[in-house]
Amino acid sequence: MSNGLVIYDFGLGSTIPHGNEAPPDNAVHGSIRTKQATADAMKHFYETGEIVQMCTAPKGCDCPAGGCGADL
């Protein structure tokens, strides 16, 4: 694949404030690299330059549904 887009859903949409400030207790940015599927996808990209889908939920990277893999 020559390009790609991945959207990770941590189920926190309702916690995002309407202003331009980070929501409290938002671990999304750090959590991406602590899930097996997302870490595997990043490792594959860094090694090959290829973007691959490694999330397993019916809707892809739906982390609350277990699509992002086990915690590392």
PDB file of N, CA and C in Angstrom:
ATOM      1  N   MET A   1       0.854  -1.174   0.000  1.00  0.00           N
ATOM      2  CA  MET A   1       0.000   0.000   0.000  1.00  0.00           C
ATOM      3  C   MET A   1       0.895   1.230   0.000  1.00  0.00           C
ATOM      4  N   SER A   2       0.607   2.196  -0.832  1.00  0.00           N
ATOM      5  CA  SER A   2       1.438   3.385  -0.927  1.00  0.00           C
ATOM      6  C   SER A   2       1.012   4.495   0.027  1.00  0.00           C
ATOM      7  N   ASN A   3      -0.189   4.412   0.574  1.00  0.00           N
ATOM      8  CA  ASN A   3      -0.631   5.408   1.542  1.00  0.00           C
ATOM      9  C   ASN A   3      -1.726   4.790   2.399  1.00  0.00           C
ATOM     10  N   GLY A   4      -2.064   5.452   3.462  1.00  0.00           N
ATOM     11  CA  GLY A   4      -3.101   4.901   4.319  1.00  0.00           C
ATOM     12  C   GLY A   4      -3.491   5.843   5.436  1.00  0.00           C
ATOM     13  N   LEU A   5      -4.603   5.538   6.051  1.00  0.00           N
ATOM     14  CA  LEU A   5      -5.109   6.294   7.185  1.00  0.00           C
ATOM     15  C   LEU A   5      -5.657   5.290   8.184  1.00  0.00           C
ATOM     16  N   VAL A   6      -5.284   5.443   9.434  1.00  0.00           N
ATOM     17  CA  VAL A   6      -5.811   4.592  10.493  1.00  0.00           C
ATOM     18  C   VAL A   6      -6.401   5.500  11.553  1.00  0.00           C
ATOM     19  N   ILE A   7      -7.616   5.213  11.958  1.00  0.00           N
ATOM     20  CA  ILE A   7      -8.258   5.957  13.034  1.00  0.00           C
ATOM     21  C   ILE A   7      -8.454   4.994  14.193  1.00  0.00           C
ATOM     22  N   TYR A   8      -7.885   5.343  15.332  1.00  0.00           N
ATOM     23  CA  TYR A   8      -8.018   4.528  16.532  1.00  0.00           C
ATOM     24  C   TYR A   8      -9.127   5.094  17.387  1.00  0.00           C
ATOM     25  N   ASP A   9     -10.029   4.253  17.848  1.00  0.00           N
ATOM     26  CA  ASP A   9     -11.138   4.682  18.684  1.00  0.00           C
ATOM     27  C   ASP A   9     -10.946   4.112  20.083  1.00  0.00           C
ATOM     28  N   PHE A  10     -10.701   4.999  21.048  1.00  0.00           N
ATOM     29  CA  PHE A  10     -10.559   4.579  22.432  1.00  0.00           C
ATOM     30  C   PHE A  10     -11.855   4.811  23.212  1.00  0.00           C
ATOM     31  N   GLY A  11     -12.937   5.171  22.494  1.00  0.00           N
ATOM     32  CA  GLY A  11     -14.232   5.347  23.143  1.00  0.00           C
ATOM     33  C   GLY A  11     -14.306   6.549  24.059  1.00  0.00           C
ATOM     34  N   LEU A  12     -13.524   7.588  23.787  1.00  0.00           N
ATOM     35  CA  LEU A  12     -13.501   8.753  24.664  1.00  0.00           C
ATOM     36  C   LEU A  12     -14.154   9.981  24.046  1.00  0.00           C
ATOM     37  N   GLY A  13     -14.850   9.807  22.931  1.00  0.00           N
ATOM     38  CA  GLY A  13     -15.449  10.948  22.245  1.00  0.00           C
ATOM     39  C   GLY A  13     -16.329  11.816  23.123  1.00  0.00           C
ATOM     40  N   SER A  14     -17.068  11.228  24.006  1.00  0.00           N
ATOM     41  CA  SER A  14     -17.971  12.011  24.863  1.00  0.00           C
ATOM     42  C   SER A  14     -17.230  12.765  25.958  1.00  0.00           C
ATOM     43  N   THR A  15     -15.943  12.513  26.147  1.00  0.00           N
ATOM     44  CA  THR A  15     -15.183  13.192  27.202  1.00  0.00           C
ATOM     45  C   THR A  15     -14.407  14.398  26.681  1.00  0.00           C
ATOM     46  N   ILE A  16     -14.453  14.642  25.371  1.00  0.00           N
ATOM     47  CA  ILE A  16     -13.678  15.737  24.797  1.00  0.00           C
ATOM     48  C   ILE A  16     -14.403  17.062  25.039  1.00  0.00           C
ATOM     49  N   PRO A  17     -13.723  18.034  25.679  1.00  0.00           N
ATOM     50  CA  PRO A  17     -14.344  19.336  25.936  1.00  0.00           C
ATOM     51  C   PRO A  17     -14.579  20.102  24.628  1.00  0.00           C
ATOM     52  N   HIS A  18     -15.484  21.057  24.658  1.00  0.00           N
ATOM     53  CA  HIS A  18     -15.798  21.835  23.465  1.00  0.00           C
ATOM     54  C   HIS A  18     -14.739  22.889  23.163  1.00  0.00           C
ATOM     55  N   GLY A  19     -13.902  23.248  24.114  1.00  0.00           N
ATOM     56  CA  GLY A  19     -12.838  24.223  23.892  1.00  0.00           C
ATOM     57  C   GLY A  19     -11.614  23.573  23.287  1.00  0.00           C
ATOM     58  N   ASN A  20     -10.546  24.300  23.184  1.00  0.00           N
ATOM     59  CA  ASN A  20      -9.314  23.797  22.590  1.00  0.00           C
ATOM     60  C   ASN A  20      -8.332  23.370  23.679  1.00  0.00           C
ATOM     61  N   GLU A  21      -8.785  22.516  24.586  1.00  0.00           N
ATOM     62  CA  GLU A  21      -7.907  22.011  25.635  1.00  0.00           C
ATOM     63  C   GLU A  21      -8.037  20.495  25.704  1.00  0.00           C
ATOM     64  N   ALA A  22      -6.993  19.879  26.170  1.00  0.00           N
ATOM     65  CA  ALA A  22      -7.005  18.411  26.276  1.00  0.00           C
ATOM     66  C   ALA A  22      -7.966  17.980  27.372  1.00  0.00           C
ATOM     67  N   PRO A  23      -8.702  16.889  27.157  1.00  0.00           N
ATOM     68  CA  PRO A  23      -9.596  16.403  28.209  1.00  0.00           C
ATOM     69  C   PRO A  23      -8.787  15.840  29.374  1.00  0.00           C
ATOM     70  N   PRO A  24      -9.350  15.872  30.566  1.00  0.00           N
ATOM     71  CA  PRO A  24      -8.634  15.319  31.716  1.00  0.00           C
ATOM     72  C   PRO A  24      -8.492  13.798  31.608  1.00  0.00           C
ATOM     73  N   ASP A  25      -7.399  13.288  32.122  1.00  0.00           N
ATOM     74  CA  ASP A  25      -7.161  11.845  32.168  1.00  0.00           C
ATOM     75  C   ASP A  25      -7.267  11.180  30.802  1.00  0.00           C
ATOM     76  N   ASN A  26      -6.774  11.844  29.768  1.00  0.00           N
ATOM     77  CA  ASN A  26      -6.821  11.304  28.420  1.00  0.00           C
ATOM     78  C   ASN A  26      -5.497  10.613  28.125  1.00  0.00           C
ATOM     79  N   ALA A  27      -5.499   9.296  28.094  1.00  0.00           N
ATOM     80  CA  ALA A  27      -4.276   8.523  27.865  1.00  0.00           C
ATOM     81  C   ALA A  27      -4.170   8.027  26.423  1.00  0.00           C
ATOM     82  N   VAL A  28      -4.965   8.585  25.514  1.00  0.00           N
ATOM     83  CA  VAL A  28      -5.008   8.079  24.146  1.00  0.00           C
ATOM     84  C   VAL A  28      -3.646   8.128  23.471  1.00  0.00           C
ATOM     85  N   HIS A  29      -2.960   9.252  23.525  1.00  0.00           N
ATOM     86  CA  HIS A  29      -1.696   9.368  22.799  1.00  0.00           C
ATOM     87  C   HIS A  29      -0.664   8.352  23.283  1.00  0.00           C
ATOM     88  N   GLY A  30      -0.565   8.151  24.566  1.00  0.00           N
ATOM     89  CA  GLY A  30       0.375   7.172  25.091  1.00  0.00           C
ATOM     90  C   GLY A  30      -0.098   5.744  24.933  1.00  0.00           C
ATOM     91  N   SER A  31      -1.412   5.545  24.862  1.00  0.00           N
ATOM     92  CA  SER A  31      -1.958   4.189  24.791  1.00  0.00           C
ATOM     93  C   SER A  31      -1.755   3.517  23.443  1.00  0.00           C
ATOM     94  N   ILE A  32      -1.608   4.284  22.380  1.00  0.00           N
ATOM     95  CA  ILE A  32      -1.426   3.695  21.049  1.00  0.00           C
ATOM     96  C   ILE A  32      -0.238   2.744  21.034  1.00  0.00           C
ATOM     97  N   ARG A  33       0.841   3.119  21.654  1.00  0.00           N
ATOM     98  CA  ARG A  33       2.035   2.262  21.605  1.00  0.00           C
ATOM     99  C   ARG A  33       2.061   1.185  22.685  1.00  0.00           C
ATOM    100  N   THR A  34       0.985   1.081  23.474  1.00  0.00           N
ATOM    101  CA  THR A  34       0.949   0.053  24.519  1.00  0.00           C
ATOM    102  C   THR A  34      -0.034  -1.068  24.189  1.00  0.00           C
ATOM    103  N   LYS A  35      -0.492  -1.141  22.957  1.00  0.00           N
ATOM    104  CA  LYS A  35      -1.398  -2.199  22.505  1.00  0.00           C
ATOM    105  C   LYS A  35      -0.669  -3.069  21.491  1.00  0.00           C
ATOM    106  N   GLN A  36      -0.837  -4.367  21.549  1.00  0.00           N
ATOM    107  CA  GLN A  36      -0.093  -5.300  20.701  1.00  0.00           C
ATOM    108  C   GLN A  36      -0.299  -5.040  19.212  1.00  0.00           C
ATOM    109  N   ALA A  37      -1.556  -4.907  18.767  1.00  0.00           N
ATOM    110  CA  ALA A  37      -1.816  -4.735  17.331  1.00  0.00           C
ATOM    111  C   ALA A  37      -1.240  -3.432  16.801  1.00  0.00           C
ATOM    112  N   THR A  38      -1.367  -2.362  17.572  1.00  0.00           N
ATOM    113  CA  THR A  38      -0.850  -1.085  17.099  1.00  0.00           C
ATOM    114  C   THR A  38       0.675  -1.080  17.108  1.00  0.00           C
ATOM    115  N   ALA A  39       1.285  -1.688  18.114  1.00  0.00           N
ATOM    116  CA  ALA A  39       2.744  -1.782  18.148  1.00  0.00           C
ATOM    117  C   ALA A  39       3.256  -2.634  16.983  1.00  0.00           C
ATOM    118  N   ASP A  40       2.559  -3.724  16.677  1.00  0.00           N
ATOM    119  CA  ASP A  40       2.949  -4.570  15.543  1.00  0.00           C
ATOM    120  C   ASP A  40       2.841  -3.810  14.223  1.00  0.00           C
ATOM    121  N   ALA A  41       1.774  -3.015  14.071  1.00  0.00           N
ATOM    122  CA  ALA A  41       1.594  -2.240  12.840  1.00  0.00           C
ATOM    123  C   ALA A  41       2.697  -1.201  12.690  1.00  0.00           C
ATOM    124  N   MET A  42       3.051  -0.522  13.782  1.00  0.00           N
ATOM    125  CA  MET A  42       4.128   0.471  13.716  1.00  0.00           C
ATOM    126  C   MET A  42       5.460  -0.196  13.401  1.00  0.00           C
ATOM    127  N   LYS A  43       5.742  -1.322  14.048  1.00  0.00           N
ATOM    128  CA  LYS A  43       6.992  -2.040  13.801  1.00  0.00           C
ATOM    129  C   LYS A  43       7.090  -2.465  12.338  1.00  0.00           C
ATOM    130  N   HIS A  44       6.002  -2.989  11.798  1.00  0.00           N
ATOM    131  CA  HIS A  44       5.987  -3.407  10.394  1.00  0.00           C
ATOM    132  C   HIS A  44       6.252  -2.205   9.482  1.00  0.00           C
ATOM    133  N   PHE A  45       5.624  -1.078   9.768  1.00  0.00           N
ATOM    134  CA  PHE A  45       5.826   0.124   8.958  1.00  0.00           C
ATOM    135  C   PHE A  45       7.280   0.591   9.023  1.00  0.00           C
ATOM    136  N   TYR A  46       7.841   0.638  10.220  1.00  0.00           N
ATOM    137  CA  TYR A  46       9.231   1.098  10.355  1.00  0.00           C
ATOM    138  C   TYR A  46      10.207   0.172   9.646  1.00  0.00           C
ATOM    139  N   GLU A  47       9.921  -1.104   9.641  1.00  0.00           N
ATOM    140  CA  GLU A  47      10.823  -2.074   9.003  1.00  0.00           C
ATOM    141  C   GLU A  47      10.660  -2.146   7.487  1.00  0.00           C
ATOM    142  N   THR A  48       9.446  -1.932   6.980  1.00  0.00           N
ATOM    143  CA  THR A  48       9.188  -2.156   5.554  1.00  0.00           C
ATOM    144  C   THR A  48       8.670  -0.937   4.799  1.00  0.00           C
ATOM    145  N   GLY A  49       8.132   0.048   5.517  1.00  0.00           N
ATOM    146  CA  GLY A  49       7.505   1.190   4.868  1.00  0.00           C
ATOM    147  C   GLY A  49       6.087   0.893   4.421  1.00  0.00           C
ATOM    148  N   GLU A  50       5.604  -0.308   4.686  1.00  0.00           N
ATOM    149  CA  GLU A  50       4.268  -0.734   4.277  1.00  0.00           C
ATOM    150  C   GLU A  50       3.278  -0.538   5.416  1.00  0.00           C
ATOM    151  N   ILE A  51       2.125   0.025   5.096  1.00  0.00           N
ATOM    152  CA  ILE A  51       1.058   0.219   6.075  1.00  0.00           C
ATOM    153  C   ILE A  51       0.115  -0.971   5.990  1.00  0.00           C
ATOM    154  N   VAL A  52      -0.060  -1.674   7.107  1.00  0.00           N
ATOM    155  CA  VAL A  52      -0.950  -2.831   7.139  1.00  0.00           C
ATOM    156  C   VAL A  52      -1.928  -2.696   8.301  1.00  0.00           C
ATOM    157  N   GLN A  53      -3.105  -3.256   8.128  1.00  0.00           N
ATOM    158  CA  GLN A  53      -4.137  -3.246   9.166  1.00  0.00           C
ATOM    159  C   GLN A  53      -3.929  -4.465  10.054  1.00  0.00           C
ATOM    160  N   MET A  54      -3.663  -4.238  11.331  1.00  0.00           N
ATOM    161  CA  MET A  54      -3.460  -5.351  12.250  1.00  0.00           C
ATOM    162  C   MET A  54      -4.502  -5.378  13.357  1.00  0.00           C
ATOM    163  N   CYS A  55      -5.401  -4.405  13.376  1.00  0.00           N
ATOM    164  CA  CYS A  55      -6.467  -4.393  14.375  1.00  0.00           C
ATOM    165  C   CYS A  55      -7.509  -5.449  14.007  1.00  0.00           C
ATOM    166  N   THR A  56      -8.184  -5.997  14.999  1.00  0.00           N
ATOM    167  CA  THR A  56      -9.026  -7.175  14.769  1.00  0.00           C
ATOM    168  C   THR A  56     -10.507  -7.012  15.078  1.00  0.00           C
ATOM    169  N   ALA A  57     -10.943  -5.861  15.580  1.00  0.00           N
ATOM    170  CA  ALA A  57     -12.373  -5.676  15.881  1.00  0.00           C
ATOM    171  C   ALA A  57     -13.160  -5.583  14.574  1.00  0.00           C
ATOM    172  N   PRO A  58     -14.456  -5.868  14.608  1.00  0.00           N
ATOM    173  CA  PRO A  58     -15.260  -5.765  13.390  1.00  0.00           C
ATOM    174  C   PRO A  58     -15.151  -4.396  12.715  1.00  0.00           C
ATOM    175  N   LYS A  59     -14.941  -3.352  13.514  1.00  0.00           N
ATOM    176  CA  LYS A  59     -14.771  -2.011  12.959  1.00  0.00           C
ATOM    177  C   LYS A  59     -13.301  -1.591  12.994  1.00  0.00           C
ATOM    178  N   GLY A  60     -12.384  -2.535  12.936  1.00  0.00           N
ATOM    179  CA  GLY A  60     -10.958  -2.213  12.880  1.00  0.00           C
ATOM    180  C   GLY A  60     -10.368  -1.891  14.235  1.00  0.00           C
ATOM    181  N   CYS A  61      -9.803  -0.702  14.355  1.00  0.00           N
ATOM    182  CA  CYS A  61      -9.093  -0.319  15.577  1.00  0.00           C
ATOM    183  C   CYS A  61     -10.030   0.279  16.619  1.00  0.00           C
ATOM    184  N   ASP A  62     -11.029  -0.498  16.987  1.00  0.00           N
ATOM    185  CA  ASP A  62     -11.960  -0.135  18.060  1.00  0.00           C
ATOM    186  C   ASP A  62     -11.360  -0.714  19.340  1.00  0.00           C
ATOM    187  N   CYS A  63     -10.560   0.081  20.014  1.00  0.00           N
ATOM    188  CA  CYS A  63      -9.801  -0.415  21.164  1.00  0.00           C
ATOM    189  C   CYS A  63     -10.671  -0.904  22.317  1.00  0.00           C
ATOM    190  N   PRO A  64     -11.780  -0.215  22.682  1.00  0.00           N
ATOM    191  CA  PRO A  64     -12.621  -0.754  23.752  1.00  0.00           C
ATOM    192  C   PRO A  64     -13.210  -2.127  23.424  1.00  0.00           C
ATOM    193  N   ALA A  65     -13.338  -2.441  22.130  1.00  0.00           N
ATOM    194  CA  ALA A  65     -13.876  -3.748  21.714  1.00  0.00           C
ATOM    195  C   ALA A  65     -12.761  -4.776  21.577  1.00  0.00           C
ATOM    196  N   GLY A  66     -11.539  -4.443  21.960  1.00  0.00           N
ATOM    197  CA  GLY A  66     -10.427  -5.368  21.893  1.00  0.00           C
ATOM    198  C   GLY A  66      -9.704  -5.408  20.549  1.00  0.00           C
ATOM    199  N   GLY A  67     -10.047  -4.505  19.655  1.00  0.00           N
ATOM    200  CA  GLY A  67      -9.460  -4.512  18.326  1.00  0.00           C
ATOM    201  C   GLY A  67      -8.015  -4.090  18.242  1.00  0.00           C
ATOM    202  N   CYS A  68      -7.500  -3.486  19.288  1.00  0.00           N
ATOM    203  CA  CYS A  68      -6.111  -3.005  19.270  1.00  0.00           C
ATOM    204  C   CYS A  68      -5.144  -3.991  19.903  1.00  0.00           C
ATOM    205  N   GLY A  69      -5.630  -5.131  20.308  1.00  0.00           N
ATOM    206  CA  GLY A  69      -4.775  -6.156  20.894  1.00  0.00           C
ATOM    207  C   GLY A  69      -4.607  -6.019  22.384  1.00  0.00           C
ATOM    208  N   ALA A  70      -3.866  -6.944  22.927  1.00  0.00           N
ATOM    209  CA  ALA A  70      -3.621  -6.985  24.370  1.00  0.00           C
ATOM    210  C   ALA A  70      -2.726  -5.836  24.797  1.00  0.00           C
ATOM    211  N   ASP A  71      -2.831  -5.476  26.085  1.00  0.00           N
ATOM    212  CA  ASP A  71      -1.921  -4.480  26.644  1.00  0.00           C
ATOM    213  C   ASP A  71      -0.510  -5.055  26.697  1.00  0.00           C
ATOM    214  N   LEU A  72       0.453  -4.244  26.384  1.00  0.00           N
ATOM    215  CA  LEU A  72       1.856  -4.662  26.467  1.00  0.00           C
ATOM    216  C   LEU A  72       2.424  -4.318  27.824  1.00  0.00           C
TER     217      LEU A  72
END
